[in-house]
Amino acid sequence: MDRRPGLSVRLKLTLSYAGFLMVAGALLLGLVWVFLLRYVPDPPEVRPPRSLVLRGPSRHDLLVAFAPRAEQGMLFLLVFGLVGGWMLAGRMLAPLARITDATRAAAAGSLSHRIGLEGRQDEFRELADAFDGMLARLEAHVAEQRRFAANASHELRTPLAITQTLLDVARREGTTDPGELVERLRAVNTRAIGLTEALLVLSRADQRSFDREPVDLSLLAEEAGETLLPLAEQHGVTLEICGDVARTGGSPALLLQMTTNLVHNAIIHNLPEHGRVRVATAVSTDTVVLSVENTGDRLGRELVATLTEPFRRGTDRIRGDQAGVGLGLAIVKSIVQAHDGTLDLTAAADGGLRVTVRLPRYATGKSKEVSG
């Protein structure tokens, strides 16, 4: 925004200090003048004989003696106010100059710069600390977005490269079965569509572009279980859903996506046979809880800590063609954060994973239990 040049804040503060000091000095001199006038008698209306006139200061004499000293005092206050105000304003505004420099550095792309303003707590320190915190969050967010964009580009490029390879081979050799080629291209295209849809869901959750409605997590868990029951039976996994009515506020579609992703992951990343998945809902004082736990291989803490990152897959736990696109838990994390909740992942001692979602409670409800 183009602005017309104006006085600096330091000069304005200097003039304000000097002006206030001049007003205070004028009031003080006025009080002294009034106080001195109390001891000087008024001139008589009839002039007495010279022999009867008492020798003493008159008001005229007092004015002649007082006025030059008052002018000198006001001049001193003016000079002192300007010089002292300029120095004091500069000292007071020094932290603001550091904040301004940091802001310009951040605007130029240097998000790693920090003000680090020392000293006791005051308004400038609070502003500097808040700005440093904002820069830290912004730097982490930008780094995460860059990493996500690089991973997304790589993941989206893979199906396109596979499609190009299949077409090149078919054109070069000319012996490929058209039906087989179409089926392979269809599989690659399906994966690309699934990845694109997952990216859209993730973006929608990050932007919080949804209306909040009352949602019962127990009903969502039941719906997700019914939808994925054929998949569980196909993989030989026993699926159990139980718990209380757990009402929260949010997007029914996103929360259903969150629940479905958790149950789907629990089914896919499980034992080769006789696996189990347990989905439970609970209610506490201020939150509702959705927990999904499964059996499976033993997981290290390092691996568990990275499972919510985009495109991270527990490759050694994936079986068949149900590996997904590596965004399942990343989407869950974004949906939970968009609903002001928390997500905890804990590896079980005997193998498997327990995922716990805590969301703000919307209302109380009655208990119920369902199984599948």
Protein backbone atom coordinates (compact mmCIF):
# COMPACT_ATOMS: atom_id res chain seq x y z
CA MET A 1 0.00 0.00 0.00
CA ASP A 2 1.37 3.40 -1.01
CA ARG A 3 1.30 5.94 1.82
CA ARG A 4 2.24 9.60 2.00
CA PRO A 5 5.37 10.34 4.06
CA GLY A 6 4.74 11.39 7.64
CA LEU A 7 6.47 11.95 10.95
CA SER A 8 8.21 9.02 12.57
CA VAL A 9 6.84 7.54 15.76
CA ARG A 10 10.02 8.55 17.55
CA LEU A 11 9.57 12.20 16.57
CA LYS A 12 5.89 12.09 17.54
CA LEU A 13 6.76 10.68 20.95
CA THR A 14 9.51 13.29 21.37
CA LEU A 15 7.11 16.14 20.60
CA SER A 16 4.54 14.58 22.90
CA TYR A 17 7.02 14.32 25.77
CA ALA A 18 8.25 17.88 25.23
CA GLY A 19 4.71 19.22 24.90
CA PHE A 20 3.59 17.49 28.07
CA LEU A 21 6.63 18.79 29.92
CA MET A 22 5.93 22.34 28.69
CA VAL A 23 2.30 22.18 29.81
CA ALA A 24 3.32 20.79 33.21
CA GLY A 25 5.97 23.55 33.56
CA ALA A 26 3.48 26.27 32.61
CA LEU A 27 0.97 25.00 35.16
CA LEU A 28 3.67 24.88 37.82
CA LEU A 29 4.81 28.44 37.08
CA GLY A 30 1.20 29.58 37.12
CA LEU A 31 0.71 28.09 40.57
CA VAL A 32 3.90 29.77 41.80
CA TRP A 33 2.72 33.12 40.40
CA VAL A 34 -0.66 32.78 42.10
CA PHE A 35 1.02 31.80 45.36
CA LEU A 36 3.35 34.82 45.23
CA LEU A 37 0.50 37.22 44.52
CA ARG A 38 -1.05 36.34 47.86
CA TYR A 39 1.78 38.15 49.64
CA VAL A 40 1.76 41.32 47.51
CA PRO A 41 -0.90 43.90 48.51
CA ASP A 42 -3.15 45.48 45.96
CA PRO A 43 -2.29 49.10 45.03
CA PRO A 44 -4.39 51.66 47.01
CA GLU A 45 -7.11 53.60 45.16
CA VAL A 46 -5.96 56.90 46.77
CA ARG A 47 -2.29 57.61 46.64
CA PRO A 48 -0.99 58.35 50.20
CA PRO A 49 1.69 60.91 50.96
CA ARG A 50 5.21 59.79 50.15
CA SER A 51 6.09 59.81 53.79
CA LEU A 52 3.46 57.18 54.50
CA VAL A 53 4.39 54.76 51.66
CA LEU A 54 5.88 51.51 52.98
CA ARG A 55 8.82 50.28 51.03
CA GLY A 56 8.18 46.78 49.66
CA PRO A 57 7.77 44.91 46.38
CA SER A 58 4.81 45.73 44.27
CA ARG A 59 3.10 43.46 41.74
CA HIS A 60 4.88 45.29 38.98
CA ASP A 61 8.21 44.66 40.64
CA LEU A 62 7.28 41.03 41.12
CA LEU A 63 6.31 40.64 37.45
CA VAL A 64 9.54 42.28 36.32
CA ALA A 65 11.56 39.87 38.47
CA PHE A 66 9.49 36.74 37.78
CA ALA A 67 8.86 36.94 34.03
CA PRO A 68 12.49 36.56 32.81
CA ARG A 69 13.06 33.61 35.14
CA ALA A 70 9.85 31.98 33.91
CA GLU A 71 10.90 32.42 30.29
CA GLN A 72 14.30 30.91 31.02
CA GLY A 73 12.68 28.00 32.85
CA MET A 74 10.26 27.31 29.99
CA LEU A 75 13.11 27.46 27.45
CA PHE A 76 15.10 25.00 29.56
CA LEU A 77 12.10 22.67 29.80
CA LEU A 78 11.62 22.84 26.02
CA VAL A 79 15.23 21.92 25.28
CA PHE A 80 15.29 19.30 28.00
CA GLY A 81 11.98 17.81 26.80
CA LEU A 82 13.13 17.59 23.18
CA VAL A 83 16.55 16.09 23.93
CA GLY A 84 15.37 13.82 26.72
CA GLY A 85 12.23 12.80 24.82
CA TRP A 86 14.26 11.92 21.73
CA MET A 87 16.63 9.73 23.74
CA LEU A 88 13.85 8.15 25.78
CA ALA A 89 11.71 7.44 22.69
CA GLY A 90 14.68 5.86 20.95
CA ARG A 91 15.33 3.59 23.91
CA MET A 92 11.67 2.61 24.21
CA LEU A 93 11.29 1.91 20.47
CA ALA A 94 14.51 -0.10 20.08
CA PRO A 95 12.68 -3.47 20.46
CA LEU A 96 10.18 -2.36 17.84
CA ALA A 97 13.02 -1.82 15.38
CA ARG A 98 14.19 -5.41 15.92
CA ILE A 99 10.65 -6.69 15.40
CA THR A 100 10.40 -4.66 12.18
CA ASP A 101 13.69 -6.09 10.90
CA ALA A 102 12.51 -9.62 11.67
CA THR A 103 9.23 -8.95 9.87
CA ARG A 104 11.06 -7.75 6.78
CA ALA A 105 13.33 -10.80 6.88
CA ALA A 106 10.30 -13.08 7.11
CA ALA A 107 8.62 -11.25 4.23
CA ALA A 108 11.78 -11.85 2.19
CA GLY A 109 11.51 -15.60 2.85
CA SER A 110 13.79 -16.03 5.88
CA LEU A 111 11.47 -17.95 8.22
CA SER A 112 14.34 -19.30 10.32
CA HIS A 113 15.11 -15.84 11.75
CA ARG A 114 14.03 -15.25 15.37
CA ILE A 115 13.88 -12.01 17.34
CA GLY A 116 14.86 -13.53 20.69
CA LEU A 117 14.11 -10.32 22.58
CA GLU A 118 15.69 -10.44 26.01
CA GLY A 119 14.53 -8.68 29.16
CA ARG A 120 11.57 -8.83 31.49
CA GLN A 121 8.03 -9.36 30.30
CA ASP A 122 6.26 -6.36 28.79
CA GLU A 123 4.16 -5.54 25.73
CA PHE A 124 7.12 -5.55 23.34
CA ARG A 125 8.42 -8.88 24.70
CA GLU A 126 4.96 -10.41 24.38
CA LEU A 127 4.77 -9.20 20.77
CA ALA A 128 8.24 -10.53 20.01
CA ASP A 129 7.52 -13.93 21.61
CA ALA A 130 4.22 -14.21 19.75
CA PHE A 131 5.97 -13.32 16.48
CA ASP A 132 8.71 -15.91 17.11
CA GLY A 133 6.08 -18.54 17.82
CA MET A 134 4.22 -17.62 14.63
CA LEU A 135 7.44 -17.89 12.62
CA ALA A 136 8.20 -21.30 14.13
CA ARG A 137 4.75 -22.63 13.26
CA LEU A 138 4.88 -21.08 9.81
CA GLU A 139 8.33 -22.54 9.12
CA ALA A 140 7.17 -26.00 10.20
CA HIS A 141 4.00 -25.67 8.10
CA VAL A 142 5.91 -24.56 5.01
CA ALA A 143 8.41 -27.38 5.42
CA GLU A 144 5.56 -29.86 5.80
CA GLN A 145 3.78 -28.48 2.74
CA ARG A 146 6.95 -28.68 0.66
CA ARG A 147 7.56 -32.23 1.75
CA PHE A 148 3.92 -33.08 1.09
CA ALA A 149 4.02 -31.48 -2.37
CA ALA A 150 7.18 -33.38 -3.25
CA ASN A 151 5.72 -36.68 -2.05
CA ALA A 152 2.38 -36.00 -3.78
CA SER A 153 4.14 -35.18 -7.04
CA HIS A 154 6.12 -38.39 -6.78
CA GLU A 155 3.03 -40.47 -5.98
CA LEU A 156 0.99 -38.90 -8.78
CA ARG A 157 3.85 -39.33 -11.23
CA THR A 158 4.13 -43.06 -10.54
CA PRO A 159 0.78 -44.19 -12.08
CA LEU A 160 1.33 -41.87 -15.04
CA ALA A 161 4.78 -43.36 -15.62
CA ILE A 162 3.37 -46.90 -15.37
CA THR A 163 0.65 -46.03 -17.87
CA GLN A 164 3.21 -44.58 -20.26
CA THR A 165 5.39 -47.69 -19.96
CA LEU A 166 2.48 -50.03 -20.62
CA LEU A 167 1.47 -48.09 -23.73
CA ASP A 168 5.03 -47.90 -25.03
CA VAL A 169 5.50 -51.65 -24.60
CA ALA A 170 2.19 -52.40 -26.32
CA ARG A 171 3.04 -50.14 -29.25
CA ARG A 172 6.56 -51.46 -29.61
CA GLU A 173 5.84 -55.19 -29.33
CA GLY A 174 2.29 -55.28 -30.64
CA THR A 175 1.68 -58.69 -29.06
CA THR A 176 0.09 -57.59 -25.80
CA ASP A 177 -3.39 -58.91 -25.13
CA PRO A 178 -5.73 -55.89 -25.40
CA GLY A 179 -7.92 -57.22 -22.59
CA GLU A 180 -4.95 -57.63 -20.26
CA LEU A 181 -3.63 -54.19 -21.18
CA VAL A 182 -7.00 -52.57 -20.50
CA GLU A 183 -7.27 -54.35 -17.14
CA ARG A 184 -3.81 -53.23 -16.08
CA LEU A 185 -4.48 -49.67 -17.21
CA ARG A 186 -7.77 -49.73 -15.32
CA ALA A 187 -5.99 -50.80 -12.13
CA VAL A 188 -3.41 -48.04 -12.49
CA ASN A 189 -6.10 -45.47 -13.22
CA THR A 190 -8.13 -46.60 -10.19
CA ARG A 191 -5.11 -46.09 -7.98
CA ALA A 192 -4.55 -42.60 -9.42
CA ILE A 193 -8.20 -41.69 -8.79
CA GLY A 194 -7.99 -42.97 -5.24
CA LEU A 195 -4.86 -40.92 -4.61
CA THR A 196 -6.47 -37.77 -6.05
CA GLU A 197 -9.60 -38.21 -3.95
CA ALA A 198 -7.47 -38.75 -0.84
CA LEU A 199 -5.56 -35.55 -1.55
CA LEU A 200 -8.85 -33.65 -1.92
CA VAL A 201 -10.15 -35.01 1.39
CA LEU A 202 -6.87 -34.07 3.06
CA SER A 203 -7.03 -30.54 1.65
CA ARG A 204 -10.64 -30.12 2.74
CA ALA A 205 -9.81 -31.22 6.27
CA ASP A 206 -6.81 -28.89 6.48
CA GLN A 207 -8.91 -25.91 5.36
CA ARG A 208 -11.76 -26.75 7.79
CA SER A 209 -14.25 -25.94 5.05
CA PHE A 210 -17.24 -27.75 6.56
CA ASP A 211 -20.28 -27.08 8.72
CA ARG A 212 -20.45 -28.57 12.21
CA GLU A 213 -23.36 -30.85 13.07
CA PRO A 214 -24.09 -33.26 15.93
CA VAL A 215 -22.44 -36.59 15.10
CA ASP A 216 -22.61 -39.91 16.98
CA LEU A 217 -19.28 -41.72 16.69
CA SER A 218 -20.87 -45.04 17.67
CA LEU A 219 -23.16 -44.88 14.63
CA LEU A 220 -20.21 -44.02 12.40
CA ALA A 221 -18.26 -46.96 13.80
CA GLU A 222 -21.21 -49.25 13.12
CA GLU A 223 -21.57 -47.94 9.56
CA ALA A 224 -17.86 -48.32 8.85
CA GLY A 225 -17.96 -51.85 10.28
CA GLU A 226 -20.89 -52.88 8.10
CA THR A 227 -19.18 -51.43 5.02
CA LEU A 228 -15.86 -53.18 5.68
CA LEU A 229 -17.23 -56.47 7.02
CA PRO A 230 -16.79 -58.24 3.63
CA LEU A 231 -13.16 -57.08 3.54
CA ALA A 232 -12.65 -58.36 7.09
CA GLU A 233 -14.13 -61.73 6.18
CA GLN A 234 -11.96 -61.90 3.07
CA HIS A 235 -8.83 -61.41 5.21
CA GLY A 236 -10.00 -63.72 7.99
CA VAL A 237 -10.24 -60.88 10.51
CA THR A 238 -12.80 -60.83 13.33
CA LEU A 239 -14.38 -57.39 13.61
CA GLU A 240 -15.94 -56.25 16.89
CA ILE A 241 -17.67 -52.92 17.45
CA CYS A 242 -18.90 -51.86 20.88
CA GLY A 243 -19.24 -48.84 23.12
CA ASP A 244 -21.41 -45.93 24.22
CA VAL A 245 -23.27 -43.27 22.32
CA ALA A 246 -20.53 -40.68 21.78
CA ARG A 247 -21.79 -37.41 20.35
CA THR A 248 -19.45 -34.75 19.06
CA GLY A 249 -19.78 -31.83 16.67
CA GLY A 250 -18.33 -31.79 13.19
CA SER A 251 -18.67 -32.96 9.61
CA PRO A 252 -20.44 -36.33 9.36
CA ALA A 253 -18.73 -37.07 6.04
CA LEU A 254 -15.22 -36.32 7.31
CA LEU A 255 -15.73 -38.15 10.59
CA LEU A 256 -17.07 -41.17 8.70
CA GLN A 257 -13.99 -40.98 6.45
CA MET A 258 -11.81 -40.90 9.58
CA THR A 259 -13.54 -43.92 11.11
CA THR A 260 -13.51 -45.88 7.85
CA ASN A 261 -9.80 -45.22 7.34
CA LEU A 262 -8.99 -46.43 10.85
CA VAL A 263 -11.01 -49.62 10.51
CA HIS A 264 -9.66 -50.26 7.00
CA ASN A 265 -6.07 -49.86 8.16
CA ALA A 266 -6.72 -52.13 11.13
CA ILE A 267 -8.03 -54.85 8.82
CA ILE A 268 -5.31 -54.57 6.18
CA HIS A 269 -2.38 -54.30 8.60
CA ASN A 270 -3.13 -57.42 10.58
CA LEU A 271 -2.10 -61.02 11.05
CA PRO A 272 -2.14 -63.31 7.98
CA GLU A 273 -4.93 -65.32 9.66
CA HIS A 274 -7.11 -65.22 12.76
CA GLY A 275 -6.61 -61.51 13.18
CA ARG A 276 -8.85 -59.30 15.32
CA VAL A 277 -10.03 -55.68 15.15
CA ARG A 278 -11.88 -54.03 18.02
CA VAL A 279 -13.60 -50.66 17.61
CA ALA A 280 -14.93 -48.99 20.77
CA THR A 281 -16.47 -45.65 21.69
CA ALA A 282 -16.55 -44.08 25.14
CA VAL A 283 -17.57 -40.84 26.84
CA SER A 284 -15.73 -38.83 29.48
CA THR A 285 -16.46 -35.49 31.12
CA ASP A 286 -15.45 -33.22 28.23
CA THR A 287 -14.49 -35.59 25.41
CA VAL A 288 -15.67 -38.58 23.45
CA VAL A 289 -13.24 -41.35 22.56
CA LEU A 290 -12.99 -43.60 19.53
CA SER A 291 -10.43 -46.37 19.81
CA VAL A 292 -9.44 -48.89 17.13
CA GLU A 293 -7.01 -51.68 18.02
CA ASN A 294 -5.88 -54.68 16.06
CA THR A 295 -3.52 -57.60 16.16
CA GLY A 296 -0.45 -57.75 14.00
CA ASP A 297 3.32 -57.60 13.96
CA ARG A 298 5.27 -55.86 16.69
CA LEU A 299 5.99 -52.27 15.83
CA GLY A 300 8.86 -50.10 16.97
CA ARG A 301 8.33 -46.65 18.44
CA GLU A 302 10.21 -45.03 15.57
CA LEU A 303 7.86 -46.55 13.00
CA VAL A 304 4.72 -45.70 15.00
CA ALA A 305 5.82 -42.07 15.30
CA THR A 306 5.94 -41.73 11.49
CA LEU A 307 2.73 -43.53 10.53
CA THR A 308 0.66 -40.33 10.43
CA GLU A 309 3.00 -38.67 7.95
CA PRO A 310 1.74 -38.52 4.35
CA PHE A 311 2.79 -41.44 2.12
CA ARG A 312 4.30 -43.37 5.01
CA ARG A 313 3.44 -47.05 4.86
CA GLY A 314 4.29 -49.91 7.17
CA THR A 315 5.45 -51.91 4.15
CA ASP A 316 6.22 -55.04 6.09
CA ARG A 317 2.63 -55.16 7.32
CA ILE A 318 0.90 -54.70 3.95
CA ARG A 319 -0.61 -57.69 2.26
CA GLY A 320 -2.01 -58.01 -1.25
CA ASP A 321 -3.30 -55.16 -3.34
CA GLN A 322 -4.93 -53.29 -0.45
CA ALA A 323 -1.90 -51.16 0.36
CA GLY A 324 -3.70 -47.91 -0.31
CA VAL A 325 -2.00 -44.67 -1.22
CA GLY A 326 -0.24 -43.97 2.07
CA LEU A 327 -2.61 -41.20 3.16
CA GLY A 328 -4.97 -43.11 5.45
CA LEU A 329 -3.59 -42.03 8.82
CA ALA A 330 -2.49 -38.67 7.44
CA ILE A 331 -6.12 -37.97 6.55
CA VAL A 332 -7.20 -39.19 9.99
CA LYS A 333 -4.74 -36.83 11.65
CA SER A 334 -5.90 -33.84 9.61
CA ILE A 335 -9.59 -34.60 10.29
CA VAL A 336 -8.94 -34.95 14.01
CA GLN A 337 -7.03 -31.66 14.14
CA ALA A 338 -9.75 -29.92 12.12
CA HIS A 339 -12.25 -31.05 14.77
CA ASP A 340 -10.04 -29.79 17.65
CA GLY A 341 -9.22 -33.30 18.81
CA THR A 342 -6.15 -35.39 19.55
CA LEU A 343 -4.78 -38.56 17.95
CA ASP A 344 -2.63 -41.10 19.80
CA LEU A 345 -0.94 -44.16 18.32
CA THR A 346 0.38 -46.85 20.66
CA ALA A 347 2.07 -50.12 19.74
CA ALA A 348 0.82 -53.12 21.67
CA ALA A 349 3.41 -55.19 23.51
CA ASP A 350 2.28 -58.44 21.86
CA GLY A 351 1.88 -56.87 18.41
CA GLY A 352 -0.61 -54.65 16.67
CA LEU A 353 -1.56 -51.02 17.04
CA ARG A 354 -4.02 -49.06 19.15
CA VAL A 355 -5.31 -45.76 17.72
CA THR A 356 -7.20 -43.43 20.07
CA VAL A 357 -9.14 -40.40 18.88
CA ARG A 358 -10.41 -37.86 21.41
CA LEU A 359 -12.87 -35.19 20.28
CA PRO A 360 -14.79 -32.50 22.18
CA ARG A 361 -18.04 -33.80 23.62
CA TYR A 362 -21.25 -32.44 22.12
CA ALA A 363 -23.94 -34.05 24.28
CA THR A 364 -24.57 -37.00 26.59
CA GLY A 365 -26.22 -40.17 25.44
CA LYS A 366 -27.27 -43.64 26.48
CA SER A 367 -25.10 -46.69 26.30
CA LYS A 368 -25.48 -49.27 23.62
CA GLU A 369 -23.49 -52.17 22.22
CA VAL A 370 -23.31 -53.62 18.76
CA SER A 371 -21.13 -56.35 17.35
CA GLY A 372 -20.14 -57.52 13.98
